[in-house]
Amino acid sequence: MSKQISRRTMLRGMGIAVALPWLEAMAPQAPLIANVARAGNGGSDGAPVRMAFLYVPNGMHMKDWKPFGPDPRNFKLKPILKPVEKFRAKMNIISGLSLDGAFAHGDGGGDHARSVASFLTGAHPKKTHGSDIRNGVSVDQIAAERIGHLTRLKSLEVGTEESSTGGQCDTGYSCLYTSNISWRTERSPLAKEINPAAIFERLFGSEPQKTVDRRPLATKAKNRKSILDFVNQEAKILHNNLGVTDRRKLDEYLYAVRDIERRLGSTEKLDQTETDLSSFQRPIGVPRKYDEHVKLLMDMMVLAFQSDSTRVASFMFANAGSNRAYTNLAIKDGHHNISHHGNSRPKQQKISQINKFHMSLTNHFLTRLDAIPEGNGTLLDNCMVLHGSGIADGNSHSHKDLPIALFGGGGGTITTGRHIQLRSGTPLTNLYRSMLKRVGAPVDKFSDSNGMVEEIA
């Protein structure tokens, strides 16, 4: 039997601090578990609840998305959701949600910009490409402000394309709107990190000490094998004081950290313009292949959750209106261009392929989360992972009846395995209120919410 240790315990050495995964030795005593569960900031076994938002640009081919069948517990999956079929018992498909802030409301064109800016805020962004930006605070940042003090990082913002600092991107809307879904204040978006190595540095970089070697990890890696070399002695001591189950968890976690280090060092980097990419410049360290890039970023998010370095994350598969050509799927046309399919069946099939491909990458994320034991279940059981878009059909730019899938059990607080059909027009922000409650950041009102989605209870 291992001794109880603090949730904030870290492995330290030579200025390096490596956070630990959730271990049984960190579980509070029974009375405290009950208090945590009632407060809504942890699962029934004391493990923390995390939330992640995965954004898909350019909408969805809804005919290949929405499940069918009269029984909400025995629904049939359409092609786009087939990649996550093994998680049907740990997911809810939620239909009927609407994003009112993304509608024009007299502002004319700009649905792509509004769909991204409004997705996590529910707000109607001010139409401008100048300095008078105005949007709203996003749901992830509400959570970050409430529970961010419990972790090393308040939140993690990740994506495959850089966040813009200005300019005009969508019929009068600033590029700030099209490239950011996380907003700290109504005027301050939080830029995404697209470089896996930079995220690794944030998670496992040096502590703020005067004598610390502050060279980038890529440079320091030339002189040593792993950051774990610095904390090896503390890891051995901790390992000897843990129970059998916790020893296995620790070993698996440290192996995962080393594996990502190895992949960061061996991944082929993008060093020239490619035909399937947007015109933005990528920094050294970003993988050449899109799927490798996404998987590395998602693995970073898994490590961040596993180590409790943060409990809040957002991810953008691409920026609003992305015109990436998915040549790996033999699709040479730009994503945004074919989303305006004009009811062309060949174009609709290509959109469905792209949507299914994105879902296969989400399946990678879910698989990694579900493979990590935590408490009485897995890391996925203590998460809420939302995959969706602020646009339903890309051709009509509809913001009603959005494609929204919610994975994970929220620490045992969510009944899963259903297709939940809400009344059409139900605010998406109602779902966000329900999610905020489960991570310990309840609010009485969020943007245009008029209640909560109690169906996930």
Protein backbone atom coordinates (compact mmCIF):
# COMPACT_ATOMS: atom_id res chain seq x y z
CA MET A 1 0.00 0.00 0.00
CA SER A 2 1.49 3.32 -1.02
CA LYS A 3 1.50 6.44 1.13
CA GLN A 4 -0.88 9.26 0.23
CA ILE A 5 0.87 11.96 -1.77
CA SER A 6 -0.15 15.43 -2.84
CA ARG A 7 -1.81 16.00 -6.20
CA ARG A 8 0.78 18.74 -6.78
CA THR A 9 3.76 16.41 -6.38
CA MET A 10 6.29 16.86 -9.18
CA LEU A 11 9.55 15.21 -10.16
CA ARG A 12 12.32 17.81 -10.00
CA GLY A 13 15.95 17.98 -10.94
CA MET A 14 18.36 20.58 -12.41
CA GLY A 15 15.55 23.08 -12.84
CA ILE A 16 13.25 20.64 -14.63
CA ALA A 17 9.78 19.94 -13.20
CA VAL A 18 7.75 17.02 -14.49
CA ALA A 19 4.14 16.80 -13.33
CA LEU A 20 2.76 13.38 -12.43
CA PRO A 21 -0.32 11.53 -13.66
CA TRP A 22 -3.28 10.99 -11.35
CA LEU A 23 -2.34 8.13 -9.03
CA GLU A 24 -4.39 6.16 -6.53
CA ALA A 25 -2.03 7.46 -3.85
CA MET A 26 -3.38 10.95 -4.61
CA ALA A 27 -7.00 10.00 -3.95
CA PRO A 28 -8.52 11.80 -0.94
CA GLN A 29 -10.11 9.89 1.92
CA ALA A 30 -13.76 8.91 1.58
CA PRO A 31 -15.33 12.00 3.25
CA LEU A 32 -13.31 14.29 0.99
CA ILE A 33 -14.34 12.32 -2.08
CA ALA A 34 -17.97 13.00 -1.28
CA ASN A 35 -17.26 16.70 -0.89
CA VAL A 36 -15.41 16.86 -4.18
CA ALA A 37 -18.23 15.13 -6.04
CA ARG A 38 -20.83 17.49 -4.57
CA ALA A 39 -18.75 20.51 -5.50
CA GLY A 40 -18.70 19.37 -9.11
CA ASN A 41 -14.94 19.72 -9.64
CA GLY A 42 -13.99 16.06 -9.56
CA GLY A 43 -15.20 12.60 -10.34
CA SER A 44 -16.70 10.25 -7.79
CA ASP A 45 -13.26 8.72 -7.17
CA GLY A 46 -11.54 12.08 -6.63
CA ALA A 47 -9.93 12.41 -10.08
CA PRO A 48 -10.29 15.86 -11.68
CA VAL A 49 -12.72 16.47 -14.55
CA ARG A 50 -11.26 17.96 -17.74
CA MET A 51 -12.84 19.60 -20.79
CA ALA A 52 -11.63 19.86 -24.40
CA PHE A 53 -13.22 21.59 -27.38
CA LEU A 54 -12.31 20.40 -30.89
CA TYR A 55 -13.40 22.74 -33.69
CA VAL A 56 -14.03 21.68 -37.30
CA PRO A 57 -14.11 24.45 -39.98
CA ASN A 58 -16.48 24.82 -42.95
CA GLY A 59 -19.37 22.87 -41.47
CA MET A 60 -20.44 19.27 -41.90
CA HIS A 61 -22.20 17.16 -44.50
CA MET A 62 -25.19 16.69 -42.22
CA LYS A 63 -26.77 13.84 -44.21
CA ASP A 64 -23.73 11.73 -43.33
CA TRP A 65 -23.56 13.00 -39.73
CA LYS A 66 -26.89 12.84 -37.92
CA PRO A 67 -27.65 9.40 -36.44
CA PHE A 68 -30.97 7.77 -37.27
CA GLY A 69 -33.40 5.46 -35.51
CA PRO A 70 -36.31 6.12 -33.12
CA ASP A 71 -34.53 4.70 -30.07
CA PRO A 72 -32.08 7.27 -28.59
CA ARG A 73 -30.04 4.42 -27.09
CA ASN A 74 -29.98 2.23 -30.17
CA PHE A 75 -29.12 4.83 -32.80
CA LYS A 76 -27.42 4.01 -36.07
CA LEU A 77 -24.23 5.86 -36.94
CA LYS A 78 -23.79 7.58 -40.29
CA PRO A 79 -20.44 7.44 -42.18
CA ILE A 80 -18.82 10.51 -40.59
CA LEU A 81 -19.19 9.06 -37.09
CA LYS A 82 -18.10 5.54 -38.02
CA PRO A 83 -14.46 6.14 -36.94
CA VAL A 84 -15.61 6.56 -33.32
CA GLU A 85 -18.11 3.70 -33.29
CA LYS A 86 -16.16 1.88 -30.58
CA PHE A 87 -16.91 4.84 -28.29
CA ARG A 88 -20.68 4.84 -28.81
CA ALA A 89 -21.14 3.76 -25.16
CA LYS A 90 -19.04 6.77 -24.05
CA MET A 91 -20.56 9.46 -26.24
CA ASN A 92 -23.67 11.52 -26.76
CA ILE A 93 -24.64 12.94 -30.14
CA ILE A 94 -26.62 16.10 -29.42
CA SER A 95 -28.94 17.46 -32.11
CA GLY A 96 -30.98 20.66 -32.08
CA LEU A 97 -28.32 23.06 -30.77
CA SER A 98 -28.05 26.51 -32.32
CA LEU A 99 -25.41 29.27 -32.36
CA ASP A 100 -27.36 32.51 -32.50
CA GLY A 101 -24.25 34.70 -32.29
CA ALA A 102 -23.05 33.34 -35.63
CA PHE A 103 -26.12 34.53 -37.55
CA ALA A 104 -25.79 37.78 -39.49
CA HIS A 105 -28.28 39.86 -37.50
CA GLY A 106 -28.04 42.53 -40.18
CA ASP A 107 -24.26 42.36 -40.61
CA GLY A 108 -24.30 40.63 -43.99
CA GLY A 109 -21.61 38.14 -45.00
CA GLY A 110 -18.94 36.71 -42.72
CA ASP A 111 -20.48 33.46 -41.50
CA HIS A 112 -17.13 31.70 -41.24
CA ALA A 113 -15.64 34.41 -39.04
CA ARG A 114 -18.74 34.56 -36.86
CA SER A 115 -18.95 30.77 -36.55
CA VAL A 116 -15.46 30.58 -35.04
CA ALA A 117 -15.64 33.74 -32.92
CA SER A 118 -19.02 32.73 -31.52
CA PHE A 119 -18.43 29.00 -31.11
CA LEU A 120 -17.14 29.10 -27.53
CA THR A 121 -18.41 32.57 -26.60
CA GLY A 122 -21.99 32.49 -27.87
CA ALA A 123 -21.51 36.21 -28.58
CA HIS A 124 -22.18 38.09 -31.79
CA PRO A 125 -18.77 39.54 -32.75
CA LYS A 126 -18.59 43.15 -33.87
CA LYS A 127 -18.05 43.40 -37.61
CA THR A 128 -14.71 45.15 -37.92
CA HIS A 129 -11.21 44.54 -39.16
CA GLY A 130 -9.76 47.41 -37.17
CA SER A 131 -8.66 47.81 -33.57
CA ASP A 132 -12.21 48.00 -32.20
CA ILE A 133 -12.51 44.22 -31.80
CA ARG A 134 -15.34 43.03 -29.60
CA ASN A 135 -16.55 39.51 -28.98
CA GLY A 136 -17.17 37.75 -25.65
CA VAL A 137 -15.45 35.60 -23.05
CA SER A 138 -15.27 31.94 -24.12
CA VAL A 139 -16.50 29.01 -22.06
CA ASP A 140 -13.02 27.51 -21.75
CA GLN A 141 -11.71 30.75 -20.27
CA ILE A 142 -14.56 30.99 -17.80
CA ALA A 143 -13.48 27.57 -16.59
CA ALA A 144 -9.80 28.56 -16.70
CA GLU A 145 -10.40 31.56 -14.45
CA ARG A 146 -12.33 29.46 -11.94
CA ILE A 147 -10.16 26.33 -11.75
CA GLY A 148 -6.90 27.35 -13.45
CA HIS A 149 -5.19 27.99 -10.11
CA LEU A 150 -5.34 24.26 -9.45
CA THR A 151 -2.98 23.42 -12.32
CA ARG A 152 0.35 24.54 -13.77
CA LEU A 153 -1.35 26.02 -16.85
CA LYS A 154 -4.77 27.67 -16.72
CA SER A 155 -5.61 26.39 -20.19
CA LEU A 156 -4.07 25.14 -23.41
CA GLU A 157 -4.94 26.59 -26.85
CA VAL A 158 -3.81 24.42 -29.75
CA GLY A 159 -4.26 24.31 -33.53
CA THR A 160 -2.69 23.47 -36.87
CA GLU A 161 -2.69 27.01 -38.30
CA GLU A 162 -1.35 30.11 -36.59
CA SER A 163 -3.57 32.70 -34.96
CA SER A 164 -3.58 36.01 -36.77
CA THR A 165 -2.72 39.35 -35.18
CA GLY A 166 -4.95 41.39 -37.45
CA GLY A 167 -6.02 42.12 -41.02
CA GLN A 168 -9.23 41.34 -42.88
CA CYS A 169 -10.17 37.71 -43.55
CA ASP A 170 -13.93 37.38 -44.13
CA THR A 171 -16.02 40.15 -45.74
CA GLY A 172 -15.12 42.86 -43.26
CA TYR A 173 -14.25 40.71 -40.26
CA SER A 174 -10.83 40.75 -38.63
CA CYS A 175 -8.60 37.70 -38.98
CA LEU A 176 -8.58 37.65 -35.18
CA TYR A 177 -12.12 36.31 -35.38
CA THR A 178 -11.37 33.62 -37.95
CA SER A 179 -8.30 32.19 -36.21
CA ASN A 180 -9.20 32.15 -32.51
CA ILE A 181 -11.90 30.33 -30.58
CA SER A 182 -10.58 31.11 -27.08
CA TRP A 183 -11.19 34.62 -25.74
CA ARG A 184 -9.92 35.76 -22.33
CA THR A 185 -11.92 39.00 -22.54
CA GLU A 186 -14.21 40.45 -25.19
CA ARG A 187 -11.20 42.22 -26.71
CA SER A 188 -8.45 39.68 -26.07
CA PRO A 189 -8.29 36.35 -27.92
CA LEU A 190 -5.75 33.76 -26.83
CA ALA A 191 -3.43 32.75 -29.67
CA LYS A 192 -3.06 29.05 -30.47
CA GLU A 193 0.21 27.17 -30.27
CA ILE A 194 0.84 25.10 -33.39
CA ASN A 195 4.38 23.87 -32.64
CA PRO A 196 4.38 20.58 -30.68
CA ALA A 197 7.89 21.25 -29.38
CA ALA A 198 6.78 24.57 -27.90
CA ILE A 199 3.87 22.88 -26.14
CA PHE A 200 6.24 20.24 -24.77
CA GLU A 201 8.44 23.05 -23.44
CA ARG A 202 5.44 24.59 -21.68
CA LEU A 203 4.46 21.28 -20.11
CA PHE A 204 7.90 20.03 -19.14
CA GLY A 205 10.20 23.01 -19.42
CA SER A 206 12.47 24.56 -16.85
CA GLU A 207 11.32 25.99 -13.58
CA PRO A 208 11.96 29.71 -12.95
CA GLN A 209 15.37 29.52 -11.27
CA LYS A 210 18.38 31.76 -11.83
CA THR A 211 20.73 28.87 -12.60
CA VAL A 212 18.47 27.08 -15.05
CA ASP A 213 19.68 26.35 -18.58
CA ARG A 214 17.13 28.29 -20.63
CA ARG A 215 18.15 27.09 -24.06
CA PRO A 216 15.29 25.62 -26.12
CA LEU A 217 14.64 21.93 -25.62
CA ALA A 218 15.68 21.23 -29.20
CA THR A 219 19.14 22.62 -28.42
CA LYS A 220 19.43 20.95 -25.03
CA ALA A 221 18.40 17.63 -26.58
CA LYS A 222 21.73 17.50 -28.43
CA ASN A 223 23.52 17.14 -25.11
CA ARG A 224 21.23 14.64 -23.37
CA LYS A 225 18.74 11.88 -24.08
CA SER A 226 15.63 13.11 -22.31
CA ILE A 227 14.32 15.66 -19.83
CA LEU A 228 13.57 12.60 -17.71
CA ASP A 229 17.31 12.12 -17.24
CA PHE A 230 17.22 15.13 -14.92
CA VAL A 231 14.47 13.68 -12.72
CA ASN A 232 15.47 10.02 -12.92
CA GLN A 233 16.61 9.80 -9.29
CA GLU A 234 13.37 11.27 -7.89
CA ALA A 235 11.36 9.01 -10.19
CA LYS A 236 13.11 5.92 -8.78
CA ILE A 237 12.47 7.02 -5.20
CA LEU A 238 8.80 7.70 -5.91
CA HIS A 239 8.43 4.41 -7.81
CA ASN A 240 9.69 2.44 -4.78
CA ASN A 241 7.09 4.08 -2.54
CA LEU A 242 4.07 3.39 -4.73
CA GLY A 243 1.68 0.47 -4.87
CA VAL A 244 1.70 -1.99 -7.77
CA THR A 245 -1.03 -0.24 -9.77
CA ASP A 246 0.52 3.20 -9.35
CA ARG A 247 3.95 1.89 -10.34
CA ARG A 248 2.50 0.68 -13.62
CA LYS A 249 0.77 4.02 -14.19
CA LEU A 250 3.97 5.93 -13.51
CA ASP A 251 5.99 3.69 -15.83
CA GLU A 252 3.44 4.08 -18.65
CA TYR A 253 3.34 7.83 -18.21
CA LEU A 254 7.12 8.28 -18.26
CA TYR A 255 7.28 6.05 -21.33
CA ALA A 256 4.71 8.29 -23.04
CA VAL A 257 6.80 11.39 -22.28
CA ARG A 258 9.93 9.75 -23.73
CA ASP A 259 7.99 8.56 -26.77
CA ILE A 260 6.82 12.09 -27.57
CA GLU A 261 10.36 13.40 -27.15
CA ARG A 262 11.51 10.79 -29.64
CA ARG A 263 8.77 11.68 -32.11
CA LEU A 264 9.53 15.38 -31.80
CA GLY A 265 13.12 14.65 -32.75
CA SER A 266 12.38 12.30 -35.63
CA THR A 267 9.30 13.77 -37.29
CA GLU A 268 9.90 15.15 -40.77
CA LYS A 269 9.55 18.91 -40.57
CA LEU A 270 7.88 21.28 -42.98
CA ASP A 271 10.55 23.40 -44.66
CA GLN A 272 8.88 24.49 -47.87
CA THR A 273 5.49 25.57 -49.22
CA GLU A 274 3.20 22.70 -50.13
CA THR A 275 0.12 22.67 -52.34
CA ASP A 276 -2.18 21.33 -49.63
CA LEU A 277 -1.41 24.09 -47.14
CA SER A 278 -2.59 27.62 -46.63
CA SER A 279 -0.16 30.46 -47.32
CA PHE A 280 0.89 30.93 -43.69
CA GLN A 281 4.44 30.24 -42.56
CA ARG A 282 5.07 27.41 -40.11
CA PRO A 283 7.92 27.43 -37.60
CA ILE A 284 10.60 24.76 -37.49
CA GLY A 285 9.36 21.82 -35.49
CA VAL A 286 5.94 21.47 -37.12
CA PRO A 287 5.52 18.08 -38.84
CA ARG A 288 5.20 18.07 -42.61
CA LYS A 289 2.21 15.71 -42.71
CA TYR A 290 -1.09 17.10 -41.47
CA ASP A 291 -2.22 13.92 -39.72
CA GLU A 292 1.13 13.57 -37.91
CA HIS A 293 0.87 17.20 -36.85
CA VAL A 294 -2.65 16.74 -35.47
CA LYS A 295 -1.79 13.49 -33.66
CA LEU A 296 1.28 15.02 -32.00
CA LEU A 297 -0.75 18.01 -30.84
CA MET A 298 -3.48 15.76 -29.52
CA ASP A 299 -0.92 13.62 -27.71
CA MET A 300 0.32 16.79 -26.04
CA MET A 301 -3.23 17.47 -24.88
CA VAL A 302 -3.45 13.93 -23.51
CA LEU A 303 -0.21 14.44 -21.55
CA ALA A 304 -1.47 17.79 -20.28
CA PHE A 305 -4.64 16.16 -18.97
CA GLN A 306 -2.88 13.04 -17.69
CA SER A 307 -0.36 15.09 -15.71
CA ASP A 308 -3.06 17.54 -14.57
CA SER A 309 -0.97 20.33 -16.05
CA THR A 310 -4.28 21.81 -17.18
CA ARG A 311 -7.93 20.78 -17.17
CA VAL A 312 -9.04 22.99 -20.04
CA ALA A 313 -8.02 22.78 -23.70
CA SER A 314 -9.21 23.95 -27.11
CA PHE A 315 -8.14 22.71 -30.52
CA MET A 316 -8.78 23.95 -34.06
CA PHE A 317 -8.38 21.46 -36.92
CA ALA A 318 -7.93 24.56 -39.12
CA ASN A 319 -8.91 28.22 -39.14
CA ALA A 320 -12.27 29.46 -40.38
CA GLY A 321 -12.72 29.17 -44.12
CA SER A 322 -9.62 26.98 -44.42
CA ASN A 323 -9.02 26.02 -48.04
CA ARG A 324 -6.61 23.18 -47.32
CA ALA A 325 -6.54 20.48 -49.99
CA TYR A 326 -6.58 17.02 -48.41
CA THR A 327 -4.28 15.34 -50.87
CA ASN A 328 -3.90 12.35 -48.53
CA LEU A 329 -7.56 11.67 -49.36
CA ALA A 330 -6.94 12.31 -53.07
CA ILE A 331 -8.89 15.57 -52.72
CA LYS A 332 -7.11 18.33 -54.62
CA ASP A 333 -9.88 20.91 -54.25
CA GLY A 334 -9.75 23.37 -51.35
CA HIS A 335 -11.92 22.48 -48.36
CA HIS A 336 -13.73 25.83 -48.26
CA ASN A 337 -14.37 25.81 -51.99
CA ILE A 338 -16.04 22.42 -52.03
CA SER A 339 -18.04 23.20 -48.88
CA HIS A 340 -20.04 25.46 -51.21
CA HIS A 341 -21.14 22.36 -53.06
CA GLY A 342 -24.31 23.71 -54.70
CA ASN A 343 -25.86 20.25 -54.11
CA SER A 344 -23.19 18.64 -56.28
CA ARG A 345 -23.02 15.02 -55.16
CA PRO A 346 -19.28 14.62 -55.94
CA LYS A 347 -18.48 17.69 -53.83
CA GLN A 348 -20.72 16.49 -51.02
CA GLN A 349 -18.90 13.16 -51.03
CA LYS A 350 -15.58 14.96 -50.70
CA ILE A 351 -16.87 17.05 -47.79
CA SER A 352 -18.07 13.88 -46.11
CA GLN A 353 -14.63 12.32 -46.61
CA ILE A 354 -12.92 15.29 -44.99
CA ASN A 355 -15.38 15.28 -42.08
CA LYS A 356 -14.79 11.55 -41.57
CA PHE A 357 -11.03 12.08 -41.69
CA HIS A 358 -11.23 14.74 -38.96
CA MET A 359 -13.32 12.33 -36.89
CA SER A 360 -10.68 9.63 -37.35
CA LEU A 361 -8.16 12.02 -35.81
CA THR A 362 -10.51 12.68 -32.91
CA ASN A 363 -10.69 8.90 -32.56
CA HIS A 364 -6.91 8.95 -32.04
CA PHE A 365 -7.36 11.46 -29.21
CA LEU A 366 -10.16 9.46 -27.60
CA THR A 367 -8.24 6.20 -27.92
CA ARG A 368 -5.23 7.68 -26.12
CA LEU A 369 -7.43 9.07 -23.33
CA ASP A 370 -9.31 5.81 -22.92
CA ALA A 371 -6.11 3.77 -22.72
CA ILE A 372 -5.03 5.52 -19.50
CA PRO A 373 -6.49 4.00 -16.32
CA GLU A 374 -7.64 6.59 -13.80
CA GLY A 375 -9.60 5.96 -10.64
CA ASN A 376 -12.44 3.53 -11.30
CA GLY A 377 -12.30 4.04 -15.05
CA THR A 378 -10.12 5.79 -17.62
CA LEU A 379 -8.94 9.30 -18.30
CA LEU A 380 -11.68 9.61 -20.94
CA ASP A 381 -14.29 8.80 -18.30
CA ASN A 382 -13.11 11.88 -16.40
CA CYS A 383 -13.20 14.12 -19.48
CA MET A 384 -15.73 15.97 -21.60
CA VAL A 385 -14.51 16.16 -25.20
CA LEU A 386 -16.68 18.18 -27.55
CA HIS A 387 -16.20 17.74 -31.32
CA GLY A 388 -18.20 20.05 -33.53
CA SER A 389 -18.59 23.10 -35.71
CA GLY A 390 -20.29 26.49 -35.61
CA ILE A 391 -21.69 25.75 -39.08
CA ALA A 392 -24.02 22.88 -39.95
CA ASP A 393 -24.30 22.71 -43.74
CA GLY A 394 -21.40 24.62 -45.29
CA ASN A 395 -23.29 25.39 -48.48
CA SER A 396 -26.10 27.28 -46.72
CA HIS A 397 -23.94 28.56 -43.83
CA SER A 398 -26.57 27.33 -41.39
CA HIS A 399 -25.88 27.82 -37.69
CA LYS A 400 -28.89 25.82 -36.55
CA ASP A 401 -29.03 22.11 -35.62
CA LEU A 402 -25.26 22.00 -35.35
CA PRO A 403 -23.13 18.84 -35.50
CA ILE A 404 -22.14 18.33 -31.86
CA ALA A 405 -20.71 15.18 -30.29
CA LEU A 406 -19.76 14.98 -26.61
CA PHE A 407 -17.42 12.19 -25.51
CA GLY A 408 -16.53 11.07 -21.99
CA GLY A 409 -18.39 10.69 -18.73
CA GLY A 410 -17.50 13.95 -17.01
CA GLY A 411 -16.27 12.08 -13.93
CA GLY A 412 -19.34 9.84 -13.81
CA THR A 413 -21.83 12.72 -13.99
CA ILE A 414 -23.00 12.17 -17.59
CA THR A 415 -25.23 9.38 -18.86
CA THR A 416 -23.71 8.39 -22.20
CA GLY A 417 -24.53 6.18 -25.19
CA ARG A 418 -27.40 8.24 -26.61
CA HIS A 419 -28.54 10.42 -29.48
CA ILE A 420 -30.11 13.35 -27.66
CA GLN A 421 -32.63 15.25 -29.79
CA LEU A 422 -33.25 18.68 -28.27
CA ARG A 423 -35.79 21.19 -29.44
CA SER A 424 -34.46 22.90 -32.56
CA GLY A 425 -32.97 26.27 -31.67
CA THR A 426 -31.73 25.29 -28.21
CA PRO A 427 -28.74 27.54 -27.45
CA LEU A 428 -25.36 25.80 -27.64
CA THR A 429 -24.48 27.82 -24.55
CA ASN A 430 -26.98 25.72 -22.56
CA LEU A 431 -24.66 22.77 -23.08
CA TYR A 432 -21.69 24.88 -22.00
CA ARG A 433 -23.44 25.76 -18.73
CA SER A 434 -23.89 22.05 -18.06
CA MET A 435 -20.22 21.41 -18.79
CA LEU A 436 -19.03 24.29 -16.59
CA LYS A 437 -20.98 22.86 -13.68
CA ARG A 438 -19.18 19.56 -14.03
CA VAL A 439 -15.67 21.05 -13.90
CA GLY A 440 -16.47 23.11 -10.82
CA ALA A 441 -17.15 26.46 -12.52
CA PRO A 442 -20.96 26.82 -12.45
CA VAL A 443 -22.61 29.97 -13.82
CA ASP A 444 -26.23 31.10 -13.66
CA LYS A 445 -26.08 32.61 -17.15
CA PHE A 446 -23.70 32.35 -20.08
CA SER A 447 -24.17 34.54 -23.15
CA ASP A 448 -27.58 33.68 -24.67
CA SER A 449 -28.23 30.59 -22.51
CA ASN A 450 -31.75 30.03 -21.26
CA GLY A 451 -31.15 26.92 -19.21
CA MET A 452 -28.97 23.82 -19.16
CA VAL A 453 -28.94 20.60 -21.13
CA GLU A 454 -30.16 18.40 -18.30
CA GLU A 455 -30.44 15.45 -20.70
CA ILE A 456 -26.74 14.74 -20.18
CA ALA A 457 -27.34 14.25 -16.44
